[in-house]
Amino acid sequence: MPKVLKIGITGLPQAGKTKILLKVIAMLEDEGLRVGGMITEEIEEDGKRVGFYIMDWITKEKAIMAHKNIDSRYRVEDYGVDVDTIDRIGVPAIIRAMEDEETDIIVIDEIGRMEILSESFVDAVRETFDADKPLIITLHKKSRNPLLQDVRRRDDVRILEVTPINQSILPYKIVKLIKEELEEMKF
């Protein structure tokens, strides 16, 4: 099977990885392409981050994945992580994007310390690298987790780092790469 373009967006926490991914999705959808997968969104209260939602991009189903008020045996920094929510919303969103013939591009936001607490999530992410669709992922920059190390070592993943200098132009670069890939796949 020919290798299909995989793009990893990385950067420091709050560098704008999700913001860039959402801009890319909007631009791709404006071009008539269908995007599927999962997105995480910050939950803010009084201007402070207190947790994260996880959302299936196709169905728009979302739930709280992590929150300062969640009592869980799984913790990342100040957040209790609800692994069942990752398994219930995130994993099916990824699988749906891989299997749905109408979906052109798979997105996974984010492969981070919270999400990788789910073994099903890790398995689903690994499967996306064999899918015959372009993949755009956001990656935690400094994690030493084996999944993230594997992703960074792959020769079919193009890692792009978000910086203050490139964050306005990066979405356009990613969309150009994806559109070129989709054109090549037609032939």
Protein backbone atom coordinates (compact mmCIF):
# COMPACT_ATOMS: atom_id res chain seq x y z
CA MET A 1 0.00 0.00 0.00
CA PRO A 2 1.41 3.43 -0.88
CA LYS A 3 2.25 5.67 2.04
CA VAL A 4 -0.33 8.39 2.60
CA LEU A 5 0.61 11.78 4.04
CA LYS A 6 0.51 12.02 7.82
CA ILE A 7 1.03 15.42 9.44
CA GLY A 8 1.86 15.93 13.10
CA ILE A 9 1.35 19.37 14.60
CA THR A 10 3.42 19.85 17.74
CA GLY A 11 4.34 22.67 20.05
CA LEU A 12 4.47 23.70 23.65
CA PRO A 13 1.25 23.63 25.72
CA GLN A 14 -1.10 26.43 24.66
CA ALA A 15 0.99 27.14 21.53
CA GLY A 16 -2.16 26.99 19.43
CA LYS A 17 -2.11 23.42 18.09
CA THR A 18 -5.88 22.94 18.34
CA LYS A 19 -6.57 26.45 17.03
CA ILE A 20 -4.45 25.71 13.95
CA LEU A 21 -6.10 22.32 13.47
CA LEU A 22 -9.57 23.90 13.65
CA LYS A 23 -8.53 26.49 11.04
CA VAL A 24 -7.23 23.68 8.79
CA ILE A 25 -10.49 21.75 9.20
CA ALA A 26 -12.54 24.84 8.31
CA MET A 27 -10.42 25.48 5.22
CA LEU A 28 -10.66 21.84 4.09
CA GLU A 29 -14.42 21.75 4.64
CA ASP A 30 -14.75 25.01 2.68
CA GLU A 31 -13.12 23.09 -0.19
CA GLY A 32 -15.85 20.45 0.07
CA LEU A 33 -13.77 17.82 1.83
CA ARG A 34 -15.15 15.75 4.69
CA VAL A 35 -13.13 15.59 7.88
CA GLY A 36 -13.66 13.05 10.66
CA GLY A 37 -12.03 12.15 13.93
CA MET A 38 -11.80 13.68 17.39
CA ILE A 39 -11.03 17.09 18.80
CA THR A 40 -10.33 18.24 22.35
CA GLU A 41 -11.44 21.66 23.55
CA GLU A 42 -10.49 23.53 26.69
CA ILE A 43 -13.12 24.20 29.35
CA GLU A 44 -12.69 27.63 30.90
CA GLU A 45 -14.31 29.10 33.98
CA ASP A 46 -13.62 32.70 34.95
CA GLY A 47 -10.88 32.87 32.32
CA LYS A 48 -9.00 29.87 33.70
CA ARG A 49 -8.64 26.42 32.14
CA VAL A 50 -10.36 23.85 34.35
CA GLY A 51 -10.72 20.89 32.01
CA PHE A 52 -11.15 19.49 28.53
CA TYR A 53 -14.01 18.27 26.35
CA ILE A 54 -13.56 15.51 23.79
CA MET A 55 -15.70 15.71 20.65
CA ASP A 56 -16.49 13.49 17.69
CA TRP A 57 -16.04 15.86 14.74
CA ILE A 58 -18.64 14.13 12.54
CA THR A 59 -21.45 13.60 15.07
CA LYS A 60 -20.54 16.62 17.25
CA GLU A 61 -21.14 14.45 20.35
CA LYS A 62 -18.98 15.76 23.17
CA ALA A 63 -18.40 15.17 26.85
CA ILE A 64 -15.99 16.16 29.59
CA MET A 65 -12.82 14.11 29.26
CA ALA A 66 -10.85 15.75 32.07
CA HIS A 67 -11.62 18.28 34.77
CA LYS A 68 -10.16 19.57 37.99
CA ASN A 69 -13.34 18.39 39.75
CA ILE A 70 -13.28 14.82 38.40
CA ASP A 71 -12.30 12.29 41.05
CA SER A 72 -10.42 9.63 39.10
CA ARG A 73 -7.56 7.27 39.68
CA TYR A 74 -6.20 8.67 36.40
CA ARG A 75 -4.65 12.10 36.91
CA VAL A 76 -2.62 14.38 34.70
CA GLU A 77 -1.39 17.44 36.54
CA ASP A 78 -4.45 18.93 38.29
CA TYR A 79 -6.98 17.08 36.16
CA GLY A 80 -8.91 13.90 36.83
CA VAL A 81 -9.25 12.00 33.54
CA ASP A 82 -12.38 10.08 32.56
CA VAL A 83 -10.92 7.28 30.42
CA ASP A 84 -14.41 5.86 29.77
CA THR A 85 -15.31 9.10 27.96
CA ILE A 86 -12.25 8.76 25.74
CA ASP A 87 -13.33 5.18 24.96
CA ARG A 88 -16.97 6.18 24.39
CA ILE A 89 -16.45 9.26 22.20
CA GLY A 90 -12.85 9.55 21.01
CA VAL A 91 -12.17 5.98 19.96
CA PRO A 92 -15.40 5.53 17.94
CA ALA A 93 -14.78 8.93 16.29
CA ILE A 94 -11.37 7.78 15.09
CA ILE A 95 -12.68 4.41 13.88
CA ARG A 96 -15.64 6.08 12.13
CA ALA A 97 -13.27 8.45 10.29
CA MET A 98 -11.14 5.50 9.13
CA GLU A 99 -14.05 3.35 8.00
CA ASP A 100 -16.45 5.96 6.59
CA GLU A 101 -16.03 6.05 2.81
CA GLU A 102 -17.30 9.65 2.75
CA THR A 103 -14.54 10.88 5.09
CA ASP A 104 -11.53 12.25 3.21
CA ILE A 105 -9.23 13.21 6.10
CA ILE A 106 -8.73 11.86 9.64
CA VAL A 107 -7.93 14.25 12.49
CA ILE A 108 -6.85 13.37 16.02
CA ASP A 109 -6.47 16.18 18.56
CA GLU A 110 -4.54 15.36 20.63
CA ILE A 111 -2.20 12.47 21.21
CA GLY A 112 -1.37 13.68 24.69
CA ARG A 113 -0.86 12.43 28.21
CA MET A 114 -4.59 12.24 29.00
CA GLU A 115 -5.69 10.47 25.84
CA ILE A 116 -2.99 7.81 25.95
CA LEU A 117 -4.33 6.58 29.29
CA SER A 118 -6.86 4.69 27.12
CA GLU A 119 -5.45 1.49 25.60
CA SER A 120 -8.29 1.52 23.06
CA PHE A 121 -7.28 5.05 22.02
CA VAL A 122 -3.65 3.98 21.56
CA ASP A 123 -4.78 1.01 19.44
CA ALA A 124 -7.07 3.20 17.31
CA VAL A 125 -4.30 5.75 16.73
CA ARG A 126 -1.90 3.01 15.64
CA GLU A 127 -4.53 1.78 13.14
CA THR A 128 -4.84 5.23 11.54
CA PHE A 129 -1.27 5.00 10.32
CA ASP A 130 -2.31 2.10 8.08
CA ALA A 131 -5.42 3.88 6.77
CA ASP A 132 -5.41 5.01 3.14
CA LYS A 133 -6.44 8.54 4.08
CA PRO A 134 -4.43 11.62 5.01
CA LEU A 135 -4.06 12.05 8.76
CA ILE A 136 -3.55 15.22 10.78
CA ILE A 137 -2.66 14.81 14.44
CA THR A 138 -1.63 17.11 17.23
CA LEU A 139 1.10 15.81 19.49
CA HIS A 140 2.24 16.63 22.99
CA LYS A 141 5.74 18.00 22.41
CA LYS A 142 7.75 16.59 25.29
CA SER A 143 6.08 13.32 26.26
CA ARG A 144 8.28 10.23 26.30
CA ASN A 145 5.32 7.88 25.91
CA PRO A 146 6.11 4.94 23.59
CA LEU A 147 3.24 5.81 21.21
CA LEU A 148 4.49 9.37 20.78
CA GLN A 149 8.06 8.19 20.39
CA ASP A 150 6.91 5.77 17.66
CA VAL A 151 4.99 8.53 15.87
CA ARG A 152 8.01 10.85 15.93
CA ARG A 153 10.28 8.10 14.52
CA ARG A 154 8.03 7.26 11.58
CA ASP A 155 9.38 8.32 8.21
CA ASP A 156 5.85 8.83 6.83
CA VAL A 157 4.93 11.52 9.38
CA ARG A 158 5.79 15.11 8.68
CA ILE A 159 6.12 16.92 12.01
CA LEU A 160 5.43 20.67 11.99
CA GLU A 161 6.05 22.73 15.10
CA VAL A 162 3.81 25.68 15.98
CA THR A 163 5.79 28.80 16.84
CA PRO A 164 4.70 32.41 17.33
CA ILE A 165 6.34 33.20 13.98
CA ASN A 166 4.62 30.52 11.85
CA GLN A 167 1.22 30.09 13.50
CA SER A 168 -0.60 32.37 11.05
CA ILE A 169 0.84 30.71 7.92
CA LEU A 170 0.92 27.07 9.14
CA PRO A 171 -2.76 26.29 8.39
CA TYR A 172 -2.26 27.32 4.75
CA LYS A 173 0.85 25.15 4.45
CA ILE A 174 -0.98 22.13 5.88
CA VAL A 175 -4.00 22.58 3.60
CA LYS A 176 -1.70 22.87 0.58
CA LEU A 177 0.07 19.62 1.55
CA ILE A 178 -3.24 17.79 2.07
CA LYS A 179 -4.74 19.01 -1.21
CA GLU A 180 -1.60 17.97 -3.11
CA GLU A 181 -1.79 14.53 -1.46
CA LEU A 182 -5.46 14.09 -2.38
CA GLU A 183 -4.73 15.09 -5.99
CA GLU A 184 -1.93 12.49 -6.17
CA MET A 185 -4.21 9.83 -4.71
CA LYS A 186 -6.70 10.33 -7.57
CA PHE A 187 -4.12 9.10 -10.08
